[in-house]
Structures are given as structure tokens and as C-alpha cells.
PDB file of N, CA and C in Angstrom:
ATOM      1  N   MET A   1     -27.775 -50.870 -52.942  1.00  0.00           N
ATOM      2  CA  MET A   1     -29.080 -51.385 -52.651  1.00  0.00           C
ATOM      3  C   MET A   1     -30.147 -50.375 -53.089  1.00  0.00           C
ATOM      4  N   HIS A   2     -29.893 -49.105 -52.796  1.00  0.00           N
ATOM      5  CA  HIS A   2     -30.866 -48.083 -53.184  1.00  0.00           C
ATOM      6  C   HIS A   2     -31.040 -48.038 -54.694  1.00  0.00           C
ATOM      7  N   ARG A   3     -29.950 -48.207 -55.420  1.00  0.00           N
ATOM      8  CA  ARG A   3     -30.034 -48.168 -56.880  1.00  0.00           C
ATOM      9  C   ARG A   3     -30.876 -49.325 -57.408  1.00  0.00           C
ATOM     10  N   VAL A   4     -30.663 -50.514 -56.870  1.00  0.00           N
ATOM     11  CA  VAL A   4     -31.448 -51.679 -57.301  1.00  0.00           C
ATOM     12  C   VAL A   4     -32.923 -51.477 -56.958  1.00  0.00           C
ATOM     13  N   LEU A   5     -33.192 -51.010 -55.739  1.00  0.00           N
ATOM     14  CA  LEU A   5     -34.585 -50.753 -55.355  1.00  0.00           C
ATOM     15  C   LEU A   5     -35.214 -49.699 -56.255  1.00  0.00           C
ATOM     16  N   ARG A   6     -34.476 -48.633 -56.539  1.00  0.00           N
ATOM     17  CA  ARG A   6     -35.007 -47.580 -57.409  1.00  0.00           C
ATOM     18  C   ARG A   6     -35.341 -48.142 -58.798  1.00  0.00           C
ATOM     19  N   MET A   7     -34.448 -48.977 -59.323  1.00  0.00           N
ATOM     20  CA  MET A   7     -34.693 -49.559 -60.651  1.00  0.00           C
ATOM     21  C   MET A   7     -35.915 -50.468 -60.628  1.00  0.00           C
ATOM     22  N   ARG A   8     -36.044 -51.285 -59.582  1.00  0.00           N
ATOM     23  CA  ARG A   8     -37.190 -52.196 -59.501  1.00  0.00           C
ATOM     24  C   ARG A   8     -38.497 -51.434 -59.293  1.00  0.00           C
ATOM     25  N   LEU A   9     -38.460 -50.394 -58.474  1.00  0.00           N
ATOM     26  CA  LEU A   9     -39.666 -49.584 -58.279  1.00  0.00           C
ATOM     27  C   LEU A   9     -40.060 -48.901 -59.586  1.00  0.00           C
ATOM     28  N   LYS A  10     -39.092 -48.370 -60.297  1.00  0.00           N
ATOM     29  CA  LYS A  10     -39.379 -47.697 -61.573  1.00  0.00           C
ATOM     30  C   LYS A  10     -39.933 -48.693 -62.585  1.00  0.00           C
ATOM     31  N   ALA A  11     -39.347 -49.901 -62.630  1.00  0.00           N
ATOM     32  CA  ALA A  11     -39.819 -50.926 -63.563  1.00  0.00           C
ATOM     33  C   ALA A  11     -41.263 -51.326 -63.262  1.00  0.00           C
ATOM     34  N   SER A  12     -41.652 -51.220 -61.999  1.00  0.00           N
ATOM     35  CA  SER A  12     -43.022 -51.548 -61.591  1.00  0.00           C
ATOM     36  C   SER A  12     -43.937 -50.331 -61.644  1.00  0.00           C
ATOM     37  N   GLN A  13     -43.396 -49.236 -62.182  1.00  0.00           N
ATOM     38  CA  GLN A  13     -44.152 -47.983 -62.321  1.00  0.00           C
ATOM     39  C   GLN A  13     -44.664 -47.491 -60.974  1.00  0.00           C
ATOM     40  N   ARG A  14     -43.788 -47.563 -59.965  1.00  0.00           N
ATOM     41  CA  ARG A  14     -44.122 -47.100 -58.625  1.00  0.00           C
ATOM     42  C   ARG A  14     -43.477 -45.745 -58.398  1.00  0.00           C
ATOM     43  N   GLU A  15     -44.118 -44.921 -57.602  1.00  0.00           N
ATOM     44  CA  GLU A  15     -43.638 -43.576 -57.314  1.00  0.00           C
ATOM     45  C   GLU A  15     -42.775 -43.505 -56.048  1.00  0.00           C
ATOM     46  N   GLU A  16     -42.797 -44.552 -55.198  1.00  0.00           N
ATOM     47  CA  GLU A  16     -42.079 -44.516 -53.939  1.00  0.00           C
ATOM     48  C   GLU A  16     -40.567 -44.461 -54.157  1.00  0.00           C
ATOM     49  N   SER A  17     -39.890 -43.836 -53.212  1.00  0.00           N
ATOM     50  CA  SER A  17     -38.429 -43.821 -53.232  1.00  0.00           C
ATOM     51  C   SER A  17     -37.926 -45.045 -52.466  1.00  0.00           C
ATOM     52  N   PRO A  18     -36.665 -45.417 -52.667  1.00  0.00           N
ATOM     53  CA  PRO A  18     -36.111 -46.513 -51.877  1.00  0.00           C
ATOM     54  C   PRO A  18     -36.203 -46.234 -50.369  1.00  0.00           C
ATOM     55  N   ALA A  19     -36.015 -44.982 -49.963  1.00  0.00           N
ATOM     56  CA  ALA A  19     -36.102 -44.642 -48.540  1.00  0.00           C
ATOM     57  C   ALA A  19     -37.506 -44.897 -47.998  1.00  0.00           C
ATOM     58  N   THR A  20     -38.528 -44.556 -48.780  1.00  0.00           N
ATOM     59  CA  THR A  20     -39.907 -44.804 -48.380  1.00  0.00           C
ATOM     60  C   THR A  20     -40.161 -46.297 -48.274  1.00  0.00           C
ATOM     61  N   LEU A  21     -39.689 -47.046 -49.238  1.00  0.00           N
ATOM     62  CA  LEU A  21     -39.838 -48.500 -49.229  1.00  0.00           C
ATOM     63  C   LEU A  21     -39.203 -49.093 -47.968  1.00  0.00           C
ATOM     64  N   LEU A  22     -37.982 -48.692 -47.681  1.00  0.00           N
ATOM     65  CA  LEU A  22     -37.292 -49.230 -46.514  1.00  0.00           C
ATOM     66  C   LEU A  22     -37.978 -48.826 -45.216  1.00  0.00           C
ATOM     67  N   ALA A  23     -38.510 -47.621 -45.148  1.00  0.00           N
ATOM     68  CA  ALA A  23     -39.233 -47.187 -43.948  1.00  0.00           C
ATOM     69  C   ALA A  23     -40.478 -48.045 -43.727  1.00  0.00           C
ATOM     70  N   ARG A  24     -41.182 -48.372 -44.788  1.00  0.00           N
ATOM     71  CA  ARG A  24     -42.369 -49.227 -44.653  1.00  0.00           C
ATOM     72  C   ARG A  24     -41.985 -50.652 -44.258  1.00  0.00           C
ATOM     73  N   LEU A  25     -40.893 -51.124 -44.785  1.00  0.00           N
ATOM     74  CA  LEU A  25     -40.466 -52.484 -44.477  1.00  0.00           C
ATOM     75  C   LEU A  25     -39.914 -52.593 -43.056  1.00  0.00           C
ATOM     76  N   ARG A  26     -39.373 -51.495 -42.509  1.00  0.00           N
ATOM     77  CA  ARG A  26     -38.872 -51.513 -41.126  1.00  0.00           C
ATOM     78  C   ARG A  26     -39.987 -51.740 -40.115  1.00  0.00           C
ATOM     79  N   ARG A  27     -41.209 -51.545 -40.521  1.00  0.00           N
ATOM     80  CA  ARG A  27     -42.346 -51.756 -39.623  1.00  0.00           C
ATOM     81  C   ARG A  27     -42.667 -53.230 -39.431  1.00  0.00           C
ATOM     82  N   ILE A  28     -42.026 -54.088 -40.201  1.00  0.00           N
ATOM     83  CA  ILE A  28     -42.245 -55.526 -40.097  1.00  0.00           C
ATOM     84  C   ILE A  28     -41.308 -56.067 -39.014  1.00  0.00           C
ATOM     85  N   HIS A  29     -41.881 -56.771 -38.061  1.00  0.00           N
ATOM     86  CA  HIS A  29     -41.098 -57.303 -36.951  1.00  0.00           C
ATOM     87  C   HIS A  29     -41.295 -58.810 -36.841  1.00  0.00           C
ATOM     88  N   HIS A  30     -40.211 -59.484 -36.535  1.00  0.00           N
ATOM     89  CA  HIS A  30     -40.227 -60.926 -36.299  1.00  0.00           C
ATOM     90  C   HIS A  30     -39.999 -61.133 -34.811  1.00  0.00           C
ATOM     91  N   GLN A  31     -40.869 -61.912 -34.184  1.00  0.00           N
ATOM     92  CA  GLN A  31     -40.748 -62.180 -32.752  1.00  0.00           C
ATOM     93  C   GLN A  31     -40.436 -63.655 -32.526  1.00  0.00           C
ATOM     94  N   THR A  32     -39.607 -63.893 -31.542  1.00  0.00           N
ATOM     95  CA  THR A  32     -39.274 -65.262 -31.153  1.00  0.00           C
ATOM     96  C   THR A  32     -39.346 -65.341 -29.631  1.00  0.00           C
ATOM     97  N   ALA A  33     -40.002 -66.369 -29.132  1.00  0.00           N
ATOM     98  CA  ALA A  33     -40.097 -66.598 -27.688  1.00  0.00           C
ATOM     99  C   ALA A  33     -39.907 -68.084 -27.432  1.00  0.00           C
ATOM    100  N   GLN A  34     -39.292 -68.389 -26.295  1.00  0.00           N
ATOM    101  CA  GLN A  34     -39.099 -69.786 -25.918  1.00  0.00           C
ATOM    102  C   GLN A  34     -39.948 -70.088 -24.697  1.00  0.00           C
ATOM    103  N   THR A  35     -40.700 -71.175 -24.773  1.00  0.00           N
ATOM    104  CA  THR A  35     -41.548 -71.592 -23.654  1.00  0.00           C
ATOM    105  C   THR A  35     -40.707 -72.328 -22.622  1.00  0.00           C
ATOM    106  N   PRO A  36     -41.208 -72.477 -21.410  1.00  0.00           N
ATOM    107  CA  PRO A  36     -40.448 -73.202 -20.370  1.00  0.00           C
ATOM    108  C   PRO A  36     -40.090 -74.632 -20.764  1.00  0.00           C
ATOM    109  N   ASN A  37     -40.901 -75.252 -21.637  1.00  0.00           N
ATOM    110  CA  ASN A  37     -40.593 -76.634 -22.041  1.00  0.00           C
ATOM    111  C   ASN A  37     -39.670 -76.690 -23.270  1.00  0.00           C
ATOM    112  N   GLY A  38     -39.125 -75.568 -23.674  1.00  0.00           N
ATOM    113  CA  GLY A  38     -38.126 -75.565 -24.735  1.00  0.00           C
ATOM    114  C   GLY A  38     -38.634 -75.326 -26.139  1.00  0.00           C
ATOM    115  N   HIS A  39     -39.925 -75.149 -26.317  1.00  0.00           N
ATOM    116  CA  HIS A  39     -40.442 -74.890 -27.660  1.00  0.00           C
ATOM    117  C   HIS A  39     -40.212 -73.431 -28.042  1.00  0.00           C
ATOM    118  N   VAL A  40     -39.885 -73.228 -29.293  1.00  0.00           N
ATOM    119  CA  VAL A  40     -39.669 -71.879 -29.805  1.00  0.00           C
ATOM    120  C   VAL A  40     -40.905 -71.468 -30.587  1.00  0.00           C
ATOM    121  N   LEU A  41     -41.447 -70.331 -30.234  1.00  0.00           N
ATOM    122  CA  LEU A  41     -42.609 -69.788 -30.931  1.00  0.00           C
ATOM    123  C   LEU A  41     -42.158 -68.583 -31.737  1.00  0.00           C
ATOM    124  N   ARG A  42     -42.594 -68.519 -32.979  1.00  0.00           N
ATOM    125  CA  ARG A  42     -42.202 -67.415 -33.851  1.00  0.00           C
ATOM    126  C   ARG A  42     -43.443 -66.724 -34.384  1.00  0.00           C
ATOM    127  N   GLY A  43     -43.319 -65.433 -34.530  1.00  0.00           N
ATOM    128  CA  GLY A  43     -44.419 -64.665 -35.081  1.00  0.00           C
ATOM    129  C   GLY A  43     -43.885 -63.566 -35.976  1.00  0.00           C
ATOM    130  N   LEU A  44     -44.745 -63.041 -36.791  1.00  0.00           N
ATOM    131  CA  LEU A  44     -44.386 -62.001 -37.744  1.00  0.00           C
ATOM    132  C   LEU A  44     -45.506 -60.985 -37.782  1.00  0.00           C
ATOM    133  N   THR A  45     -45.148 -59.720 -37.813  1.00  0.00           N
ATOM    134  CA  THR A  45     -46.139 -58.677 -37.956  1.00  0.00           C
ATOM    135  C   THR A  45     -46.987 -58.976 -39.192  1.00  0.00           C
ATOM    136  N   GLU A  46     -48.297 -58.803 -39.067  1.00  0.00           N
ATOM    137  CA  GLU A  46     -49.160 -59.017 -40.219  1.00  0.00           C
ATOM    138  C   GLU A  46     -48.864 -57.953 -41.270  1.00  0.00           C
ATOM    139  N   LEU A  47     -48.627 -58.410 -42.493  1.00  0.00           N
ATOM    140  CA  LEU A  47     -48.309 -57.482 -43.569  1.00  0.00           C
ATOM    141  C   LEU A  47     -49.589 -56.871 -44.116  1.00  0.00           C
ATOM    142  N   GLY A  48     -49.569 -55.558 -44.274  1.00  0.00           N
ATOM    143  CA  GLY A  48     -50.697 -54.865 -44.866  1.00  0.00           C
ATOM    144  C   GLY A  48     -50.607 -54.900 -46.382  1.00  0.00           C
ATOM    145  N   ALA A  49     -51.673 -54.509 -47.027  1.00  0.00           N
ATOM    146  CA  ALA A  49     -51.698 -54.499 -48.495  1.00  0.00           C
ATOM    147  C   ALA A  49     -50.574 -53.646 -49.080  1.00  0.00           C
ATOM    148  N   PRO A  50     -50.292 -52.445 -48.529  1.00  0.00           N
ATOM    149  CA  PRO A  50     -49.199 -51.643 -49.108  1.00  0.00           C
ATOM    150  C   PRO A  50     -47.848 -52.348 -49.013  1.00  0.00           C
ATOM    151  N   GLN A  51     -47.598 -53.048 -47.909  1.00  0.00           N
ATOM    152  CA  GLN A  51     -46.338 -53.767 -47.785  1.00  0.00           C
ATOM    153  C   GLN A  51     -46.270 -54.934 -48.756  1.00  0.00           C
ATOM    154  N   LYS A  52     -47.352 -55.668 -48.892  1.00  0.00           N
ATOM    155  CA  LYS A  52     -47.391 -56.784 -49.840  1.00  0.00           C
ATOM    156  C   LYS A  52     -47.165 -56.286 -51.260  1.00  0.00           C
ATOM    157  N   ASP A  53     -47.775 -55.161 -51.599  1.00  0.00           N
ATOM    158  CA  ASP A  53     -47.596 -54.576 -52.934  1.00  0.00           C
ATOM    159  C   ASP A  53     -46.136 -54.205 -53.185  1.00  0.00           C
ATOM    160  N   LEU A  54     -45.483 -53.666 -52.165  1.00  0.00           N
ATOM    161  CA  LEU A  54     -44.080 -53.291 -52.337  1.00  0.00           C
ATOM    162  C   LEU A  54     -43.186 -54.509 -52.518  1.00  0.00           C
ATOM    163  N   PHE A  55     -43.444 -55.579 -51.780  1.00  0.00           N
ATOM    164  CA  PHE A  55     -42.665 -56.805 -52.001  1.00  0.00           C
ATOM    165  C   PHE A  55     -42.837 -57.290 -53.433  1.00  0.00           C
ATOM    166  N   ALA A  56     -44.054 -57.258 -53.927  1.00  0.00           N
ATOM    167  CA  ALA A  56     -44.308 -57.674 -55.308  1.00  0.00           C
ATOM    168  C   ALA A  56     -43.627 -56.739 -56.294  1.00  0.00           C
ATOM    169  N   ALA A  57     -43.659 -55.437 -56.016  1.00  0.00           N
ATOM    170  CA  ALA A  57     -43.088 -54.445 -56.931  1.00  0.00           C
ATOM    171  C   ALA A  57     -41.588 -54.616 -57.095  1.00  0.00           C
ATOM    172  N   VAL A  58     -40.895 -54.996 -56.026  1.00  0.00           N
ATOM    173  CA  VAL A  58     -39.444 -55.152 -56.115  1.00  0.00           C
ATOM    174  C   VAL A  58     -39.025 -56.611 -56.278  1.00  0.00           C
ATOM    175  N   ALA A  59     -39.988 -57.466 -56.556  1.00  0.00           N
ATOM    176  CA  ALA A  59     -39.748 -58.886 -56.850  1.00  0.00           C
ATOM    177  C   ALA A  59     -38.995 -59.601 -55.728  1.00  0.00           C
ATOM    178  N   LEU A  60     -39.452 -59.383 -54.487  1.00  0.00           N
ATOM    179  CA  LEU A  60     -38.885 -60.083 -53.338  1.00  0.00           C
ATOM    180  C   LEU A  60     -39.957 -60.965 -52.708  1.00  0.00           C
ATOM    181  N   PRO A  61     -39.557 -62.141 -52.205  1.00  0.00           N
ATOM    182  CA  PRO A  61     -40.540 -62.991 -51.529  1.00  0.00           C
ATOM    183  C   PRO A  61     -40.956 -62.353 -50.210  1.00  0.00           C
ATOM    184  N   MET A  62     -42.210 -62.514 -49.856  1.00  0.00           N
ATOM    185  CA  MET A  62     -42.701 -61.984 -48.592  1.00  0.00           C
ATOM    186  C   MET A  62     -42.197 -62.857 -47.445  1.00  0.00           C
ATOM    187  N   PRO A  63     -41.833 -62.234 -46.328  1.00  0.00           N
ATOM    188  CA  PRO A  63     -41.398 -63.033 -45.181  1.00  0.00           C
ATOM    189  C   PRO A  63     -42.569 -63.795 -44.588  1.00  0.00           C
ATOM    190  N   THR A  64     -42.277 -64.961 -44.024  1.00  0.00           N
ATOM    191  CA  THR A  64     -43.300 -65.760 -43.367  1.00  0.00           C
ATOM    192  C   THR A  64     -42.749 -66.266 -42.046  1.00  0.00           C
ATOM    193  N   PRO A  65     -43.583 -66.367 -41.029  1.00  0.00           N
ATOM    194  CA  PRO A  65     -43.096 -66.923 -39.759  1.00  0.00           C
ATOM    195  C   PRO A  65     -42.876 -68.419 -39.913  1.00  0.00           C
ATOM    196  N   ALA A  66     -41.984 -68.942 -39.104  1.00  0.00           N
ATOM    197  CA  ALA A  66     -41.779 -70.393 -39.124  1.00  0.00           C
ATOM    198  C   ALA A  66     -43.072 -71.059 -38.681  1.00  0.00           C
ATOM    199  N   GLU A  67     -43.505 -72.051 -39.420  1.00  0.00           N
ATOM    200  CA  GLU A  67     -44.779 -72.701 -39.116  1.00  0.00           C
ATOM    201  C   GLU A  67     -44.636 -73.792 -38.064  1.00  0.00           C
ATOM    202  N   MET A  68     -43.453 -74.288 -37.878  1.00  0.00           N
ATOM    203  CA  MET A  68     -43.238 -75.386 -36.937  1.00  0.00           C
ATOM    204  C   MET A  68     -42.710 -74.844 -35.624  1.00  0.00           C
ATOM    205  N   CYS A  69     -43.150 -75.390 -34.538  1.00  0.00           N
ATOM    206  CA  CYS A  69     -42.616 -75.090 -33.213  1.00  0.00           C
ATOM    207  C   CYS A  69     -41.797 -76.293 -32.789  1.00  0.00           C
ATOM    208  N   ALA A  70     -40.507 -76.104 -32.579  1.00  0.00           N
ATOM    209  CA  ALA A  70     -39.627 -77.208 -32.214  1.00  0.00           C
ATOM    210  C   ALA A  70     -38.844 -76.825 -30.970  1.00  0.00           C
ATOM    211  N   PRO A  71     -38.348 -77.802 -30.240  1.00  0.00           N
ATOM    212  CA  PRO A  71     -37.483 -77.473 -29.108  1.00  0.00           C
ATOM    213  C   PRO A  71     -36.300 -76.630 -29.583  1.00  0.00           C
ATOM    214  N   ALA A  72     -35.807 -75.761 -28.735  1.00  0.00           N
ATOM    215  CA  ALA A  72     -34.750 -74.811 -29.111  1.00  0.00           C
ATOM    216  C   ALA A  72     -33.535 -75.511 -29.725  1.00  0.00           C
ATOM    217  N   GLY A  73     -33.163 -76.677 -29.247  1.00  0.00           N
ATOM    218  CA  GLY A  73     -32.011 -77.390 -29.796  1.00  0.00           C
ATOM    219  C   GLY A  73     -32.245 -77.906 -31.213  1.00  0.00           C
ATOM    220  N   ASP A  74     -33.510 -78.039 -31.625  1.00  0.00           N
ATOM    221  CA  ASP A  74     -33.828 -78.534 -32.950  1.00  0.00           C
ATOM    222  C   ASP A  74     -34.037 -77.414 -33.955  1.00  0.00           C
ATOM    223  N   SER A  75     -33.861 -76.174 -33.523  1.00  0.00           N
ATOM    224  CA  SER A  75     -34.086 -75.028 -34.395  1.00  0.00           C
ATOM    225  C   SER A  75     -33.079 -75.034 -35.533  1.00  0.00           C
ATOM    226  N   PRO A  76     -33.526 -74.677 -36.775  1.00  0.00           N
ATOM    227  CA  PRO A  76     -32.588 -74.651 -37.896  1.00  0.00           C
ATOM    228  C   PRO A  76     -31.461 -73.645 -37.669  1.00  0.00           C
ATOM    229  N   THR A  77     -31.665 -72.648 -36.807  1.00  0.00           N
ATOM    230  CA  THR A  77     -30.617 -71.659 -36.576  1.00  0.00           C
ATOM    231  C   THR A  77     -29.894 -71.897 -35.260  1.00  0.00           C
ATOM    232  N   ALA A  78     -30.169 -73.009 -34.584  1.00  0.00           N
ATOM    233  CA  ALA A  78     -29.503 -73.308 -33.323  1.00  0.00           C
ATOM    234  C   ALA A  78     -28.001 -73.445 -33.567  1.00  0.00           C
ATOM    235  N   GLY A  79     -27.224 -72.824 -32.705  1.00  0.00           N
ATOM    236  CA  GLY A  79     -25.778 -72.899 -32.838  1.00  0.00           C
ATOM    237  C   GLY A  79     -25.210 -71.921 -33.827  1.00  0.00           C
ATOM    238  N   VAL A  80     -26.032 -71.054 -34.395  1.00  0.00           N
ATOM    239  CA  VAL A  80     -25.545 -70.070 -35.365  1.00  0.00           C
ATOM    240  C   VAL A  80     -25.144 -68.824 -34.643  1.00  0.00           C
TER     241      VAL A  80
END
């Protein structure tokens, strides 16, 4: 993984190391909470410009929170 990240960072003419990239990406958190009526709420740490730039540099899609709130049994990952 480090080798692929290093190659992609170099191809994008970036100076960051794979370790630096991973440290910045570890700051991204996904939250999930279930309401008493069974709806699942999802949230994602707001990505800063440096994080967005790194996703673009290594050609990875940016994470997005689920936009729909559904009962827990209707969740796409229910039963996984």
C-alpha cells in the first residue's frame, strides 16, 4: 500500500510521504447513531482542503456520509 501511495504522490508531484498521507486521513471519522424510532443517522468529519487535495492526488474518491436515513433493518449493511 505504501508503495502505491508513494507512486501516486510522486506522479502528482507531491512531497508528502505515505505515512503523512495516512496520518492526515486518520483524522477523518465516520459516525453512526440510531434514534429511538430506529432511524440510523450517519455523519462524516468535514474534509479540509489539504485532505481533499490528497484524495485527488492519489486518485481516490472522497468519502461521503450516507444521505438517506432509514430504519436500522433497512440499512444496506444490516446483517453484515
